[in-house]
Amino acid sequence: MPKGYIIGHISVHDPEGYRDYVERDTPILLGLGGRFIVRGGASETVEGESGDRHVVIEFDDYETARRAYNDPEYQAVADIRRRTATSTIILVEGS
């Protein structure tokens, strides 16, 4: 079965507030079966526009990734990200 992914392209405006989001979202997403494959680190946008920070979280399948993103506890914490950063969040099914 193909894996599922939550992919985030993020531009942080409030680093201190965003740190609070990271500290809170990590245990929630891990508890929902997520594995952080990419979290920050060096990156280079070679075509198009993108954020300054990139995150890839892997799940056992697409539906598990979708349920994790829509989880009420995660969504409550995601409001911190929405206040402290501009984000594009994508749900993707692997091959």
C-alpha atoms as a PDB file:
ATOM      1  CA  MET A   1       0.000   0.000   0.000  1.00  0.00           C
ATOM      2  CA  PRO A   2       1.380   3.464  -0.871  1.00  0.00           C
ATOM      3  CA  LYS A   3       2.486   5.714   1.975  1.00  0.00           C
ATOM      4  CA  GLY A   4       0.735   8.997   2.721  1.00  0.00           C
ATOM      5  CA  TYR A   5       2.488  12.307   3.334  1.00  0.00           C
ATOM      6  CA  ILE A   6       1.788  15.698   4.798  1.00  0.00           C
ATOM      7  CA  ILE A   7       4.078  18.184   3.058  1.00  0.00           C
ATOM      8  CA  GLY A   8       4.460  21.739   4.310  1.00  0.00           C
ATOM      9  CA  HIS A   9       6.141  24.730   2.666  1.00  0.00           C
ATOM     10  CA  ILE A  10       6.379  27.389   5.349  1.00  0.00           C
ATOM     11  CA  SER A  11       7.564  30.990   5.768  1.00  0.00           C
ATOM     12  CA  VAL A  12       7.876  31.832   9.461  1.00  0.00           C
ATOM     13  CA  HIS A  13       7.117  35.432  10.599  1.00  0.00           C
ATOM     14  CA  ASP A  14       7.255  34.822  14.362  1.00  0.00           C
ATOM     15  CA  PRO A  15      10.069  32.359  15.186  1.00  0.00           C
ATOM     16  CA  GLU A  16       9.313  32.213  18.917  1.00  0.00           C
ATOM     17  CA  GLY A  17       5.626  31.517  18.356  1.00  0.00           C
ATOM     18  CA  TYR A  18       6.432  28.967  15.655  1.00  0.00           C
ATOM     19  CA  ARG A  19       8.726  27.108  18.085  1.00  0.00           C
ATOM     20  CA  ASP A  20       5.703  26.727  20.357  1.00  0.00           C
ATOM     21  CA  TYR A  21       3.818  25.148  17.436  1.00  0.00           C
ATOM     22  CA  VAL A  22       6.666  22.701  16.716  1.00  0.00           C
ATOM     23  CA  GLU A  23       6.893  21.683  20.381  1.00  0.00           C
ATOM     24  CA  ARG A  24       3.149  20.999  20.483  1.00  0.00           C
ATOM     25  CA  ASP A  25       2.571  19.442  17.057  1.00  0.00           C
ATOM     26  CA  THR A  26       5.418  16.924  17.268  1.00  0.00           C
ATOM     27  CA  PRO A  27       3.969  14.603  19.944  1.00  0.00           C
ATOM     28  CA  ILE A  28       0.498  14.802  18.378  1.00  0.00           C
ATOM     29  CA  LEU A  29       1.653  13.831  14.886  1.00  0.00           C
ATOM     30  CA  LEU A  30       4.004  11.144  16.197  1.00  0.00           C
ATOM     31  CA  GLY A  31       1.118   9.729  18.230  1.00  0.00           C
ATOM     32  CA  LEU A  32      -1.018   9.625  15.081  1.00  0.00           C
ATOM     33  CA  GLY A  33       1.594   7.501  13.304  1.00  0.00           C
ATOM     34  CA  GLY A  34       3.658  10.222  11.624  1.00  0.00           C
ATOM     35  CA  ARG A  35       7.394  10.019  10.951  1.00  0.00           C
ATOM     36  CA  PHE A  36       9.243  13.254  10.226  1.00  0.00           C
ATOM     37  CA  ILE A  37      11.269  12.630   7.048  1.00  0.00           C
ATOM     38  CA  VAL A  38      12.203  16.281   6.399  1.00  0.00           C
ATOM     39  CA  ARG A  39      12.014  19.042   8.982  1.00  0.00           C
ATOM     40  CA  GLY A  40      13.771  22.275   8.127  1.00  0.00           C
ATOM     41  CA  GLY A  41      17.358  21.925   6.995  1.00  0.00           C
ATOM     42  CA  ALA A  42      19.076  23.353   3.951  1.00  0.00           C
ATOM     43  CA  SER A  43      16.934  23.839   0.854  1.00  0.00           C
ATOM     44  CA  GLU A  44      17.050  25.646  -2.456  1.00  0.00           C
ATOM     45  CA  THR A  45      14.056  26.575  -4.577  1.00  0.00           C
ATOM     46  CA  VAL A  46      15.182  25.968  -8.154  1.00  0.00           C
ATOM     47  CA  GLU A  47      11.829  26.710  -9.852  1.00  0.00           C
ATOM     48  CA  GLY A  48       8.732  28.607  -8.770  1.00  0.00           C
ATOM     49  CA  GLU A  49       7.977  30.040  -5.352  1.00  0.00           C
ATOM     50  CA  SER A  50       8.262  28.267  -2.036  1.00  0.00           C
ATOM     51  CA  GLY A  51       8.558  28.872   1.688  1.00  0.00           C
ATOM     52  CA  ASP A  52      11.776  29.088   3.683  1.00  0.00           C
ATOM     53  CA  ARG A  53      11.127  25.888   5.630  1.00  0.00           C
ATOM     54  CA  HIS A  54       9.956  22.507   4.378  1.00  0.00           C
ATOM     55  CA  VAL A  55       8.466  19.594   6.288  1.00  0.00           C
ATOM     56  CA  VAL A  56       7.590  16.084   5.092  1.00  0.00           C
ATOM     57  CA  ILE A  57       5.752  13.746   7.459  1.00  0.00           C
ATOM     58  CA  GLU A  58       5.243  10.142   6.357  1.00  0.00           C
ATOM     59  CA  PHE A  59       2.281   7.965   7.368  1.00  0.00           C
ATOM     60  CA  ASP A  60       1.415   4.336   6.643  1.00  0.00           C
ATOM     61  CA  ASP A  61      -1.129   5.392   3.994  1.00  0.00           C
ATOM     62  CA  TYR A  62      -2.946   8.401   2.537  1.00  0.00           C
ATOM     63  CA  GLU A  63      -6.048   8.025   4.716  1.00  0.00           C
ATOM     64  CA  THR A  64      -3.929   7.972   7.883  1.00  0.00           C
ATOM     65  CA  ALA A  65      -2.201  11.186   6.749  1.00  0.00           C
ATOM     66  CA  ARG A  66      -5.581  12.771   6.023  1.00  0.00           C
ATOM     67  CA  ARG A  67      -6.997  11.744   9.409  1.00  0.00           C
ATOM     68  CA  ALA A  68      -3.890  13.108  11.160  1.00  0.00           C
ATOM     69  CA  TYR A  69      -4.186  16.488   9.431  1.00  0.00           C
ATOM     70  CA  ASN A  70      -7.902  16.701  10.272  1.00  0.00           C
ATOM     71  CA  ASP A  71      -7.464  15.491  13.863  1.00  0.00           C
ATOM     72  CA  PRO A  72      -9.137  18.035  16.195  1.00  0.00           C
ATOM     73  CA  GLU A  73      -6.179  18.115  18.597  1.00  0.00           C
ATOM     74  CA  TYR A  74      -3.752  18.779  15.729  1.00  0.00           C
ATOM     75  CA  GLN A  75      -6.047  21.421  14.206  1.00  0.00           C
ATOM     76  CA  ALA A  76      -6.166  23.298  17.528  1.00  0.00           C
ATOM     77  CA  VAL A  77      -2.353  23.439  17.526  1.00  0.00           C
ATOM     78  CA  ALA A  78      -2.235  24.258  13.790  1.00  0.00           C
ATOM     79  CA  ASP A  79      -3.881  27.582  14.657  1.00  0.00           C
ATOM     80  CA  ILE A  80      -0.536  28.574  16.223  1.00  0.00           C
ATOM     81  CA  ARG A  81       1.191  27.894  12.869  1.00  0.00           C
ATOM     82  CA  ARG A  82      -1.466  29.886  11.044  1.00  0.00           C
ATOM     83  CA  ARG A  83      -0.774  32.889  13.307  1.00  0.00           C
ATOM     84  CA  THR A  84       3.028  32.657  13.186  1.00  0.00           C
ATOM     85  CA  ALA A  85       3.718  31.592   9.592  1.00  0.00           C
ATOM     86  CA  THR A  86       2.378  31.508   6.059  1.00  0.00           C
ATOM     87  CA  SER A  87       2.032  27.898   4.941  1.00  0.00           C
ATOM     88  CA  THR A  88       1.058  25.708   2.048  1.00  0.00           C
ATOM     89  CA  ILE A  89       0.135  22.254   3.360  1.00  0.00           C
ATOM     90  CA  ILE A  90      -0.377  19.380   0.920  1.00  0.00           C
ATOM     91  CA  LEU A  91      -1.612  15.822   1.452  1.00  0.00           C
ATOM     92  CA  VAL A  92       0.042  13.408  -1.002  1.00  0.00           C
ATOM     93  CA  GLU A  93      -0.216   9.699  -1.714  1.00  0.00           C
ATOM     94  CA  GLY A  94       3.138   8.066  -2.460  1.00  0.00           C
ATOM     95  CA  SER A  95       3.785   5.677  -5.315  1.00  0.00           C
END
